[in-house]
Amino acid sequence: MGKGGGRGSGKGGCECCEAIHALACCLCLVLFGGPILIAVGASLIAAANRNDRARSIDAVQLAVDAWNDPNSANGWLQFQKQFMYANLTPGSAAPGCAPSFLQLSVNLSNSDRYWDEEGRFTGIKQVRLNAIVPYQFFIDCSVKVNITQQLANGSGNGSLVVLPSMAKSTLDYSILLDKAGGTKSCSTRNDGCSTSNALNCRYNCENYFNGRWSCNSRSYICTVAGTYYNNFAIKVSYQSNGSMPPGYYVDSNRPGSGGGGNVLPGGFQREYDTILLPSTVATGPLFQVPNVLFGRQVTPILFFITVRSSSDPWLTYMVATEGTGYFGVSKSTLMVTGVTLVVIGCLGTLFWVVAAFYAWWMLCSRRKPTSRPSGVSGYAWDLANRYGGQYAPALGVPVHGTGQDGMPMAQPMYVYPNQQVPGQPIASYPPYMYPPPYGAPQPGPYPPYMYPHAYLPPDSRVEMNQFNAHPQPYSYPPPTTTPVTGSPEAHTGQTPAYPYPYAYPYPPYGGGPPAPLEATPSPGSQPAGAATASPPATAANPAR
């Protein structure tokens, strides 16, 4: 059993890739859509002023008027009266390959179709001269065709052209699918291999043109190899001046270059050297001697030898439409579309111009506001201060430094006013001042009081009252484990709820108010000889 290891992208397609592509196109359209739409709209308006469709239709109409002129030798009425013959000379001596002489008959069938303006040009008279032979006879016997005509002055037959046999019975072509048409819409050939447009183009290639599809990364092509032909045709015009007798001769200039009477379909490109074609008739970009039978792979049954007038309006129609059969978009459609695109583009461009003006006004103007204004100006102020403007900190935007290359070292974060940013104060509100930790100096309008140096805790050699006679640091003896009576806050084995600057636990106060102290005169105010009062004895455990 075989193992499939190929990677195919033409079946289901990549919907995610298409979505990303559409999003990228949308963003580009938003950013640069204004100028692009203006340019496209201006080109459409210019095309509308040229009115190529009307010019092409007028050219075909002029050809129709000349074709319907009954007195013109190039008109259909005089052309169908011409006698022409085909001398067939086989190049092979195989059985059944015998020379023959045929008169070209008038063919009035409406086989040439007008795809655009069908109601206007469908009723045009179609006239051509042709002879019919078996296809296998013409190909297998390598038949050479000598087309002659009966001269207008009655001097006999004159040779019109000799068409030698071709070296190949089939020819190869490639097709530009976006120009060749088909049953499904195919607008471009460079949008990838798995898009919906590519699937439509592939359908036209394989089912309408019976070709071979190939895709390389983003571009694709359709190849039609081994295409049959079953018609040799030339276009002629009547000439009555010059060294040659009056009559019909191959016209290699009108309505387009090339003397062949068959048209290369729109979008088709030759993949063979033109030396394979009869060298006696010039080959042009559009006109050639053999026809193209696309969409079929079966061997033809009949072979046609055709002579048609270069004044045939259908040939002019093919030149005007470049083989596509489509005249183009009408002037009104181009004008309306162009004006619409220009208006939309101007509005889009005006939006960015106004935004740029507001940003300049907020950043560089001498009258730039120092606080966020209301309305549309407020959004412009936000945009102006988004990437580190002068008032960015007021928005809660951290302003980062730049590196050596001048680029910001970090992406700033933008927030709208009154929106909380982690690590930043709320805009428009003063920051909350947390109190300092325990033991740290309290802030205030005055410098904090500098406490004296700490003393060692008392031991057995130091009296408690001596130690307490000086200001103490915030260090206290451990709580007692003895039950305390008279103190509702203290309990056995627990730390007091509030720190006290005295020995803990404190004794209950049961006395009256303290006695007033005796006034002590200042030095120098005591009279001489007065006895100095000694200070009272310090209590063993004074209560402060």
Protein backbone atom coordinates (compact mmCIF):
# COMPACT_ATOMS: atom_id res chain seq x y z
CA MET A 1 0.00 0.00 0.00
CA GLY A 2 1.21 3.47 -0.74
CA LYS A 3 1.76 6.16 1.84
CA GLY A 4 0.58 9.67 1.26
CA GLY A 5 3.10 12.13 2.56
CA GLY A 6 2.38 15.16 0.43
CA ARG A 7 1.28 18.48 1.80
CA GLY A 8 -1.75 19.77 -0.07
CA SER A 9 -3.28 23.18 0.43
CA GLY A 10 -5.77 23.15 -2.39
CA LYS A 11 -8.54 21.08 -0.82
CA GLY A 12 -10.05 22.69 2.21
CA GLY A 13 -8.01 25.88 2.33
CA CYS A 14 -6.63 27.79 5.28
CA GLU A 15 -9.50 29.81 6.73
CA CYS A 16 -7.31 31.14 9.55
CA CYS A 17 -4.72 32.40 7.07
CA GLU A 18 -7.44 34.07 5.03
CA ALA A 19 -8.83 35.72 8.16
CA ILE A 20 -5.38 37.03 9.16
CA HIS A 21 -4.82 38.26 5.62
CA ALA A 22 -8.18 40.02 5.64
CA LEU A 23 -7.42 41.59 9.05
CA ALA A 24 -4.03 42.83 7.85
CA CYS A 25 -5.64 44.31 4.76
CA CYS A 26 -8.27 45.97 6.94
CA LEU A 27 -5.62 47.54 9.20
CA CYS A 28 -3.65 48.78 6.20
CA LEU A 29 -6.85 50.20 4.77
CA VAL A 30 -7.59 52.01 8.03
CA LEU A 31 -4.08 53.48 8.25
CA PHE A 32 -3.36 54.22 4.60
CA GLY A 33 -6.80 53.83 3.06
CA GLY A 34 -7.45 57.52 2.60
CA PRO A 35 -4.62 58.32 0.15
CA ILE A 36 -5.04 54.95 -1.56
CA LEU A 37 -8.75 55.49 -2.11
CA ILE A 38 -8.10 58.99 -3.41
CA ALA A 39 -5.55 57.67 -5.92
CA VAL A 40 -7.81 54.84 -7.09
CA GLY A 41 -10.80 57.15 -7.34
CA ALA A 42 -8.80 59.68 -9.35
CA SER A 43 -7.69 56.96 -11.78
CA LEU A 44 -11.30 55.83 -12.22
CA ILE A 45 -12.43 59.39 -12.86
CA ALA A 46 -9.66 59.77 -15.46
CA ALA A 47 -10.78 56.51 -17.09
CA ALA A 48 -14.35 57.78 -17.11
CA ASN A 49 -13.23 60.95 -18.88
CA ARG A 50 -11.43 58.86 -21.50
CA ASN A 51 -14.57 56.72 -21.86
CA ASP A 52 -12.74 53.78 -23.45
CA ARG A 53 -15.93 51.74 -23.62
CA ALA A 54 -17.73 54.32 -25.73
CA ARG A 55 -14.69 54.68 -28.01
CA SER A 56 -14.53 50.93 -28.57
CA ILE A 57 -18.23 50.72 -29.29
CA ASP A 58 -17.96 53.63 -31.72
CA ALA A 59 -15.09 51.89 -33.54
CA VAL A 60 -17.20 48.77 -33.99
CA GLN A 61 -20.15 50.87 -35.12
CA LEU A 62 -18.01 52.57 -37.79
CA ALA A 63 -16.96 49.12 -39.00
CA VAL A 64 -20.60 48.09 -39.13
CA ASP A 65 -21.48 51.13 -41.25
CA ALA A 66 -18.66 50.38 -43.71
CA TRP A 67 -19.59 46.70 -43.78
CA ASN A 68 -23.20 47.50 -44.67
CA ASP A 69 -22.24 49.85 -47.53
CA PRO A 70 -23.58 48.15 -50.65
CA ASN A 71 -21.22 50.03 -52.96
CA SER A 72 -18.04 49.22 -51.05
CA ALA A 73 -15.87 46.40 -52.38
CA ASN A 74 -15.04 45.53 -48.77
CA GLY A 75 -18.72 45.40 -47.77
CA TRP A 76 -20.47 42.11 -47.28
CA LEU A 77 -22.64 42.50 -50.36
CA GLN A 78 -19.69 42.80 -52.80
CA PHE A 79 -17.48 40.38 -50.90
CA GLN A 80 -19.93 37.49 -51.16
CA LYS A 81 -19.93 37.84 -54.99
CA GLN A 82 -16.22 37.11 -55.21
CA PHE A 83 -15.06 33.79 -56.70
CA MET A 84 -12.18 32.12 -54.88
CA TYR A 85 -10.69 28.65 -55.16
CA ALA A 86 -8.47 26.35 -53.13
CA ASN A 87 -5.87 24.11 -54.81
CA LEU A 88 -5.00 21.28 -52.40
CA THR A 89 -1.67 19.57 -53.01
CA PRO A 90 -0.80 16.64 -50.73
CA GLY A 91 2.76 16.42 -49.51
CA SER A 92 2.50 12.69 -48.99
CA ALA A 93 2.04 9.88 -51.49
CA ALA A 94 0.06 7.75 -49.06
CA PRO A 95 -3.11 6.09 -50.28
CA GLY A 96 -6.02 8.52 -50.42
CA CYS A 97 -3.75 11.54 -50.70
CA ALA A 98 -4.82 12.96 -54.05
CA PRO A 99 -4.78 16.61 -55.13
CA SER A 100 -8.08 18.42 -55.37
CA PHE A 101 -9.51 21.71 -56.55
CA LEU A 102 -12.37 23.33 -54.60
CA GLN A 103 -14.38 26.54 -54.94
CA LEU A 104 -14.94 28.46 -51.73
CA SER A 105 -18.62 28.81 -50.98
CA VAL A 106 -20.42 31.59 -49.12
CA ASN A 107 -21.00 30.88 -45.44
CA LEU A 108 -23.70 33.03 -43.81
CA SER A 109 -23.91 31.23 -40.46
CA ASN A 110 -23.97 33.35 -37.30
CA SER A 111 -21.05 31.54 -35.70
CA ASP A 112 -19.35 34.76 -34.57
CA ARG A 113 -20.90 35.91 -31.31
CA TYR A 114 -20.97 39.38 -29.77
CA TRP A 115 -20.78 38.88 -26.02
CA ASP A 116 -21.09 42.56 -25.10
CA GLU A 117 -23.76 44.88 -26.53
CA GLU A 118 -25.36 41.75 -27.88
CA GLY A 119 -28.68 43.38 -28.64
CA ARG A 120 -26.96 46.08 -30.68
CA PHE A 121 -24.64 43.96 -32.85
CA THR A 122 -26.24 40.53 -33.04
CA GLY A 123 -28.17 41.25 -36.24
CA ILE A 124 -25.07 42.21 -38.22
CA LYS A 125 -24.64 40.25 -41.44
CA GLN A 126 -21.93 37.60 -41.23
CA VAL A 127 -20.28 36.59 -44.50
CA ARG A 128 -17.20 34.42 -45.09
CA LEU A 129 -15.93 32.13 -47.83
CA ASN A 130 -14.74 28.63 -47.04
CA ALA A 131 -14.07 25.13 -48.29
CA ILE A 132 -14.44 21.94 -46.27
CA VAL A 133 -12.27 18.81 -46.43
CA PRO A 134 -11.85 15.77 -44.13
CA TYR A 135 -9.61 16.46 -41.18
CA GLN A 136 -7.58 13.25 -41.53
CA PHE A 137 -6.96 13.96 -45.20
CA PHE A 138 -5.67 17.46 -44.51
CA ILE A 139 -3.41 16.41 -41.61
CA ASP A 140 -2.22 12.98 -42.67
CA CYS A 141 -1.52 14.02 -46.25
CA SER A 142 0.31 17.26 -45.26
CA VAL A 143 -1.81 19.27 -47.65
CA LYS A 144 -0.54 22.56 -49.09
CA VAL A 145 -3.23 25.11 -49.91
CA ASN A 146 -3.00 27.62 -52.76
CA ILE A 147 -5.87 30.10 -52.64
CA THR A 148 -6.64 31.83 -55.91
CA GLN A 149 -9.22 34.39 -56.99
CA GLN A 150 -10.96 35.48 -60.14
CA LEU A 151 -9.56 38.88 -61.00
CA ALA A 152 -11.95 41.77 -61.33
CA ASN A 153 -10.79 42.66 -64.87
CA GLY A 154 -11.60 39.14 -66.11
CA SER A 155 -7.98 38.35 -66.93
CA GLY A 156 -8.14 34.98 -65.18
CA ASN A 157 -7.28 33.66 -61.78
CA GLY A 158 -4.59 35.18 -59.64
CA SER A 159 -2.84 33.61 -56.68
CA LEU A 160 -3.95 35.08 -53.40
CA VAL A 161 -1.76 33.19 -50.93
CA VAL A 162 -0.05 29.82 -50.46
CA LEU A 163 -0.44 28.11 -47.09
CA PRO A 164 2.12 25.35 -46.60
CA SER A 165 1.33 22.37 -44.39
CA MET A 166 2.15 22.63 -40.71
CA ALA A 167 4.68 20.43 -38.95
CA LYS A 168 2.42 19.68 -35.98
CA SER A 169 -1.20 18.74 -35.75
CA THR A 170 -1.59 20.24 -32.25
CA LEU A 171 -0.28 23.40 -30.56
CA ASP A 172 0.43 24.33 -26.92
CA TYR A 173 -0.92 27.38 -25.10
CA SER A 174 -0.90 28.87 -21.61
CA ILE A 175 -3.85 30.81 -20.25
CA LEU A 176 -3.95 33.92 -18.08
CA LEU A 177 -7.08 32.93 -16.21
CA ASP A 178 -7.87 36.40 -14.91
CA LYS A 179 -8.16 37.63 -18.51
CA ALA A 180 -9.56 34.55 -20.22
CA GLY A 181 -12.95 34.48 -18.54
CA GLY A 182 -14.85 31.30 -17.74
CA THR A 183 -17.91 30.07 -15.92
CA LYS A 184 -16.65 31.26 -12.50
CA SER A 185 -15.11 34.55 -11.40
CA CYS A 186 -11.30 34.60 -11.45
CA SER A 187 -10.02 38.09 -10.66
CA THR A 188 -6.29 37.51 -10.07
CA ARG A 189 -3.53 34.93 -10.40
CA ASN A 190 -1.36 35.93 -7.42
CA ASP A 191 -3.39 35.41 -4.24
CA GLY A 192 -2.15 32.00 -3.15
CA CYS A 193 -3.09 28.45 -4.02
CA SER A 194 -5.89 27.80 -1.54
CA THR A 195 -8.12 30.87 -1.65
CA SER A 196 -11.66 30.88 -2.96
CA ASN A 197 -10.52 32.86 -6.01
CA ALA A 198 -7.86 30.24 -6.73
CA LEU A 199 -10.47 27.49 -6.53
CA ASN A 200 -12.62 29.33 -9.07
CA CYS A 201 -9.64 29.79 -11.38
CA ARG A 202 -8.77 26.12 -11.07
CA TYR A 203 -12.33 25.15 -11.95
CA ASN A 204 -12.22 27.27 -15.11
CA CYS A 205 -8.88 25.79 -16.08
CA GLU A 206 -9.80 22.16 -15.61
CA ASN A 207 -13.47 22.18 -16.59
CA TYR A 208 -13.93 25.07 -19.02
CA PHE A 209 -10.61 25.12 -20.88
CA ASN A 210 -9.78 21.46 -20.24
CA GLY A 211 -6.30 22.51 -19.17
CA ARG A 212 -3.72 21.49 -16.58
CA TRP A 213 -3.58 23.50 -13.35
CA SER A 214 -0.29 24.29 -11.61
CA CYS A 215 0.42 26.53 -8.62
CA ASN A 216 3.78 27.71 -7.31
CA SER A 217 3.54 29.28 -3.86
CA ARG A 218 1.30 32.26 -4.67
CA SER A 219 0.98 32.38 -8.49
CA TYR A 220 -0.65 29.82 -10.72
CA ILE A 221 -1.02 29.12 -14.41
CA CYS A 222 -3.18 27.01 -16.68
CA THR A 223 -1.58 25.10 -19.53
CA VAL A 224 -3.46 23.72 -22.51
CA ALA A 225 -1.13 21.30 -24.26
CA GLY A 226 -1.89 19.44 -27.47
CA THR A 227 -4.67 21.77 -28.60
CA TYR A 228 -6.28 20.84 -31.91
CA TYR A 229 -6.99 23.22 -34.78
CA ASN A 230 -9.34 22.56 -37.69
CA ASN A 231 -9.37 25.87 -39.55
CA PHE A 232 -6.96 27.84 -41.72
CA ALA A 233 -8.19 31.42 -42.18
CA ILE A 234 -6.85 34.61 -43.73
CA LYS A 235 -8.28 38.13 -43.89
CA VAL A 236 -8.21 40.09 -47.10
CA SER A 237 -9.13 43.55 -48.40
CA TYR A 238 -9.83 44.89 -51.83
CA GLN A 239 -6.96 46.91 -53.37
CA SER A 240 -7.12 48.68 -56.74
CA ASN A 241 -3.92 50.68 -56.72
CA GLY A 242 -0.37 49.49 -57.09
CA SER A 243 1.59 47.29 -59.42
CA MET A 244 -0.73 44.31 -58.96
CA PRO A 245 -4.09 43.97 -60.71
CA PRO A 246 -7.17 45.01 -58.74
CA GLY A 247 -8.43 42.33 -56.41
CA TYR A 248 -8.36 40.98 -52.86
CA TYR A 249 -5.06 40.55 -51.09
CA VAL A 250 -3.96 39.53 -47.61
CA ASP A 251 -4.39 42.44 -45.20
CA SER A 252 -1.81 42.32 -42.40
CA ASN A 253 -2.61 45.76 -40.96
CA ARG A 254 -6.36 46.15 -40.49
CA PRO A 255 -8.04 45.98 -38.08
CA GLY A 256 -4.93 44.67 -36.29
CA SER A 257 -1.49 43.34 -37.18
CA GLY A 258 -1.29 39.86 -38.66
CA GLY A 259 -2.75 38.38 -41.83
CA GLY A 260 -4.48 35.42 -40.19
CA GLY A 261 -8.24 35.37 -40.01
CA ASN A 262 -8.45 33.45 -36.71
CA VAL A 263 -8.33 35.23 -33.37
CA LEU A 264 -6.26 34.14 -30.37
CA PRO A 265 -8.76 34.06 -27.47
CA GLY A 266 -8.34 36.56 -24.65
CA GLY A 267 -5.77 35.47 -22.06
CA PHE A 268 -4.16 32.85 -24.34
CA GLN A 269 -0.42 32.91 -24.92
CA ARG A 270 1.47 30.87 -27.49
CA GLU A 271 3.86 28.30 -26.06
CA TYR A 272 5.37 27.40 -29.43
CA ASP A 273 7.61 29.10 -31.93
CA THR A 274 5.70 30.93 -34.63
CA ILE A 275 7.90 29.27 -37.26
CA LEU A 276 5.48 26.37 -36.95
CA LEU A 277 2.84 28.60 -38.53
CA PRO A 278 2.68 29.25 -42.27
CA SER A 279 5.50 31.69 -43.03
CA THR A 280 3.68 33.17 -46.01
CA VAL A 281 1.22 34.99 -43.72
CA ALA A 282 2.37 37.32 -40.96
CA THR A 283 1.36 36.37 -37.42
CA GLY A 284 0.25 39.13 -35.07
CA PRO A 285 -0.39 39.29 -31.33
CA LEU A 286 -4.07 38.58 -31.90
CA PHE A 287 -4.48 37.21 -35.42
CA GLN A 288 -3.05 33.92 -36.70
CA VAL A 289 -3.81 31.36 -39.39
CA PRO A 290 -4.88 28.31 -37.29
CA ASN A 291 -7.75 28.49 -34.84
CA VAL A 292 -7.76 27.29 -31.22
CA LEU A 293 -10.10 24.48 -30.18
CA PHE A 294 -9.96 24.71 -26.39
CA GLY A 295 -12.17 22.68 -24.13
CA ARG A 296 -12.02 19.49 -26.21
CA GLN A 297 -9.57 16.66 -26.64
CA VAL A 298 -11.29 14.64 -29.33
CA THR A 299 -9.98 14.55 -32.88
CA PRO A 300 -11.93 16.87 -35.24
CA ILE A 301 -13.81 15.45 -38.19
CA LEU A 302 -13.74 18.34 -40.69
CA PHE A 303 -11.17 20.91 -41.70
CA PHE A 304 -12.14 24.40 -42.95
CA ILE A 305 -10.26 26.70 -45.31
CA THR A 306 -11.65 30.22 -44.78
CA VAL A 307 -11.25 33.65 -46.36
CA ARG A 308 -12.90 36.62 -44.62
CA SER A 309 -12.84 40.37 -45.15
CA SER A 310 -10.71 42.55 -42.91
CA SER A 311 -13.70 44.93 -42.80
CA ASP A 312 -15.78 42.36 -40.96
CA PRO A 313 -17.07 44.15 -37.82
CA TRP A 314 -16.49 41.04 -35.72
CA LEU A 315 -12.73 41.32 -36.30
CA THR A 316 -12.87 44.97 -35.22
CA TYR A 317 -14.86 43.87 -32.17
CA MET A 318 -12.12 41.40 -31.23
CA VAL A 319 -9.44 44.08 -31.57
CA ALA A 320 -11.45 46.59 -29.51
CA THR A 321 -11.94 44.07 -26.69
CA GLU A 322 -8.46 42.47 -27.00
CA GLY A 323 -10.03 39.10 -27.68
CA THR A 324 -12.14 39.08 -24.52
CA GLY A 325 -15.41 40.25 -26.08
CA TYR A 326 -15.94 42.79 -23.26
CA PHE A 327 -15.89 46.52 -23.95
CA GLY A 328 -15.25 47.52 -20.35
CA VAL A 329 -17.06 49.45 -17.63
CA SER A 330 -19.45 52.23 -18.58
CA LYS A 331 -18.58 55.88 -18.00
CA SER A 332 -21.35 56.45 -15.47
CA THR A 333 -20.24 53.49 -13.37
CA LEU A 334 -16.62 54.64 -13.42
CA MET A 335 -17.55 58.20 -12.53
CA VAL A 336 -19.85 57.28 -9.65
CA THR A 337 -17.36 54.78 -8.26
CA GLY A 338 -14.44 57.20 -8.61
CA VAL A 339 -16.24 60.10 -6.93
CA THR A 340 -17.38 57.82 -4.10
CA LEU A 341 -13.85 56.57 -3.47
CA VAL A 342 -12.44 60.09 -3.55
CA VAL A 343 -15.01 61.33 -1.04
CA ILE A 344 -14.41 58.40 1.30
CA GLY A 345 -10.66 58.80 0.95
CA CYS A 346 -10.86 62.52 1.72
CA LEU A 347 -12.93 61.84 4.83
CA GLY A 348 -10.48 59.20 5.99
CA THR A 349 -7.50 61.45 5.32
CA LEU A 350 -9.22 64.39 7.02
CA PHE A 351 -9.68 62.29 10.15
CA TRP A 352 -5.93 61.68 10.43
CA VAL A 353 -5.14 65.32 9.58
CA VAL A 354 -7.44 66.49 12.37
CA ALA A 355 -5.93 63.93 14.75
CA ALA A 356 -2.41 65.09 13.86
CA PHE A 357 -3.41 68.72 14.36
CA TYR A 358 -4.88 67.99 17.76
CA ALA A 359 -1.77 66.03 18.74
CA TRP A 360 0.43 68.95 17.66
CA TRP A 361 -1.79 71.36 19.54
CA MET A 362 -1.55 69.27 22.69
CA LEU A 363 2.22 68.73 22.50
CA CYS A 364 3.87 71.59 20.64
CA SER A 365 1.51 74.53 20.68
CA ARG A 366 2.24 77.42 22.99
CA ARG A 367 -1.34 77.29 24.17
CA LYS A 368 -1.36 73.58 24.90
CA PRO A 369 -3.62 72.72 27.83
CA THR A 370 -2.18 71.60 31.14
CA SER A 371 -5.16 69.43 32.06
CA ARG A 372 -7.44 67.13 30.16
CA PRO A 373 -10.13 69.13 28.34
CA SER A 374 -13.59 67.81 27.63
CA GLY A 375 -15.09 66.55 24.40
CA VAL A 376 -13.04 65.54 21.38
CA SER A 377 -10.10 67.60 22.61
CA GLY A 378 -9.88 65.32 25.61
CA TYR A 379 -9.27 62.29 23.42
CA ALA A 380 -6.62 64.22 21.52
CA TRP A 381 -5.01 65.16 24.83
CA ASP A 382 -4.96 61.48 25.80
CA LEU A 383 -3.37 60.58 22.48
CA ALA A 384 -0.77 63.33 22.71
CA ASN A 385 0.33 62.27 26.20
CA ARG A 386 0.12 58.57 25.54
CA TYR A 387 3.78 57.93 24.80
CA GLY A 388 5.50 60.00 27.41
CA GLY A 389 4.13 63.47 26.92
CA GLN A 390 4.65 66.30 29.35
CA TYR A 391 1.54 65.40 31.32
CA ALA A 392 1.81 61.64 30.98
CA PRO A 393 2.43 61.07 34.73
CA ALA A 394 -0.91 62.73 35.41
CA LEU A 395 -2.52 59.98 33.35
CA GLY A 396 -0.73 57.23 35.20
CA VAL A 397 1.57 56.55 32.22
CA PRO A 398 5.05 55.40 33.25
CA VAL A 399 7.60 57.26 31.15
CA HIS A 400 10.53 55.10 30.16
CA GLY A 401 13.96 56.12 29.08
CA THR A 402 15.47 55.52 25.66
CA GLY A 403 18.33 53.34 24.58
CA GLN A 404 21.40 54.22 22.57
CA ASP A 405 19.40 54.04 19.37
CA GLY A 406 16.84 56.56 20.64
CA MET A 407 14.06 53.99 20.87
CA PRO A 408 12.04 53.60 24.07
CA MET A 409 13.34 50.86 26.34
CA ALA A 410 9.86 49.72 27.30
CA GLN A 411 6.34 50.03 25.99
CA PRO A 412 4.44 52.69 27.95
CA MET A 413 1.12 51.73 29.40
CA TYR A 414 -1.76 54.08 28.81
CA VAL A 415 -4.74 54.41 31.05
CA TYR A 416 -7.66 56.74 31.00
CA PRO A 417 -8.11 59.26 33.79
CA ASN A 418 -9.37 57.90 37.15
CA GLN A 419 -8.28 54.40 36.20
CA GLN A 420 -6.15 52.58 38.74
CA VAL A 421 -2.66 51.48 37.69
CA PRO A 422 -0.82 48.91 39.81
CA GLY A 423 1.91 50.67 41.73
CA GLN A 424 0.66 54.14 40.75
CA PRO A 425 -1.62 56.55 42.62
CA ILE A 426 -5.12 57.08 41.34
CA ALA A 427 -5.26 60.07 39.05
CA SER A 428 -6.95 63.18 40.48
CA TYR A 429 -6.69 61.87 44.06
CA PRO A 430 -3.91 62.67 46.60
CA PRO A 431 -1.81 59.67 47.64
CA TYR A 432 -2.61 58.10 51.00
CA MET A 433 0.11 58.68 53.61
CA TYR A 434 0.70 55.58 55.65
CA PRO A 435 1.94 56.10 59.31
CA PRO A 436 5.58 55.26 59.98
CA PRO A 437 6.38 51.91 61.63
CA TYR A 438 6.51 51.60 65.38
CA GLY A 439 9.63 53.12 66.90
CA ALA A 440 10.34 55.45 63.96
CA PRO A 441 10.23 59.23 64.51
CA GLN A 442 6.80 60.72 63.87
CA PRO A 443 6.66 63.25 61.03
CA GLY A 444 5.57 66.73 61.87
CA PRO A 445 6.30 70.36 61.38
CA TYR A 446 9.18 70.18 63.91
CA PRO A 447 12.23 67.97 63.89
CA PRO A 448 11.70 64.79 65.95
CA TYR A 449 12.96 64.93 69.55
CA MET A 450 16.34 63.29 69.94
CA TYR A 451 16.23 60.96 72.93
CA PRO A 452 19.38 60.48 75.01
CA HIS A 453 21.41 57.38 74.69
CA ALA A 454 19.98 54.19 76.06
CA TYR A 455 21.04 52.95 79.47
CA LEU A 456 21.72 49.44 80.45
CA PRO A 457 18.88 47.76 82.29
CA PRO A 458 19.18 47.87 86.08
CA ASP A 459 20.72 45.04 88.02
CA SER A 460 20.96 44.17 91.68
CA ARG A 461 23.45 46.93 92.34
CA VAL A 462 21.33 49.74 90.96
CA GLU A 463 18.22 51.04 92.62
CA MET A 464 15.12 51.22 90.49
CA ASN A 465 14.46 54.78 91.56
CA GLN A 466 17.95 55.75 90.50
CA PHE A 467 17.42 54.23 87.11
CA ASN A 468 14.01 55.82 86.67
CA ALA A 469 15.38 59.23 87.52
CA HIS A 470 16.47 59.66 83.92
CA PRO A 471 14.44 59.57 80.69
CA GLN A 472 14.12 55.98 79.59
CA PRO A 473 14.16 54.48 76.13
CA TYR A 474 11.22 52.41 74.92
CA SER A 475 12.29 49.20 76.60
CA TYR A 476 10.41 47.69 79.48
CA PRO A 477 10.87 44.76 81.84
CA PRO A 478 9.00 41.58 81.01
CA PRO A 479 5.49 41.21 82.39
CA THR A 480 5.06 39.62 85.77
CA THR A 481 3.57 36.20 86.25
CA THR A 482 2.22 37.01 89.71
CA PRO A 483 -1.54 37.62 89.99
CA VAL A 484 -2.24 41.31 90.22
CA THR A 485 -5.12 42.67 92.13
CA GLY A 486 -6.81 45.94 91.51
CA SER A 487 -5.83 46.16 87.86
CA PRO A 488 -8.62 45.18 85.47
CA GLU A 489 -6.33 45.32 82.39
CA ALA A 490 -3.56 42.98 83.59
CA HIS A 491 -3.86 39.24 83.82
CA THR A 492 -1.48 36.51 84.75
CA GLY A 493 1.08 35.65 82.06
CA GLN A 494 -0.20 38.26 79.53
CA THR A 495 1.41 41.29 78.00
CA PRO A 496 -0.38 44.54 78.80
CA ALA A 497 -2.59 45.96 76.06
CA TYR A 498 -0.76 49.29 76.05
CA PRO A 499 2.91 50.06 76.80
CA TYR A 500 3.60 52.09 79.93
CA PRO A 501 6.75 54.11 80.71
CA TYR A 502 6.76 52.92 84.34
CA ALA A 503 7.41 49.70 86.14
CA TYR A 504 4.67 47.23 85.46
CA PRO A 505 2.28 46.43 86.99
CA TYR A 506 1.52 49.79 88.55
CA PRO A 507 0.05 50.01 92.06
CA PRO A 508 -3.45 51.33 92.38
CA TYR A 509 -3.67 54.98 93.27
CA GLY A 510 -5.64 55.48 96.44
CA GLY A 511 -4.48 58.81 97.82
CA GLY A 512 -5.57 62.35 97.29
CA PRO A 513 -3.95 64.97 95.17
CA PRO A 514 -0.22 65.49 95.71
CA ALA A 515 0.96 68.23 98.02
CA PRO A 516 2.09 71.44 96.31
CA LEU A 517 5.81 71.88 96.09
CA GLU A 518 7.53 74.75 97.81
CA ALA A 519 8.66 77.44 95.46
CA THR A 520 12.38 77.58 94.96
CA PRO A 521 13.88 81.01 94.31
CA SER A 522 16.15 81.45 91.37
CA PRO A 523 19.87 81.77 91.97
CA GLY A 524 20.81 85.26 93.17
CA SER A 525 17.34 86.13 94.40
CA GLN A 526 17.75 84.51 97.87
CA PRO A 527 18.92 86.97 100.54
CA ALA A 528 22.28 86.43 102.06
CA GLY A 529 22.39 84.36 105.18
CA ALA A 530 19.07 82.67 104.45
CA ALA A 531 19.06 78.99 105.04
CA THR A 532 18.77 76.88 101.98
CA ALA A 533 15.93 74.44 102.16
CA SER A 534 16.98 70.95 101.50
CA PRO A 535 14.99 69.07 98.95
CA PRO A 536 12.54 66.54 100.21
CA ALA A 537 13.60 62.97 100.37
CA THR A 538 12.89 60.97 97.26
CA ALA A 539 10.22 58.39 97.71
CA ALA A 540 11.15 54.81 97.33
CA ASN A 541 8.73 54.31 94.41
CA PRO A 542 7.36 57.65 93.23
CA ALA A 543 4.28 57.64 91.09
CA ARG A 544 4.64 59.76 87.99
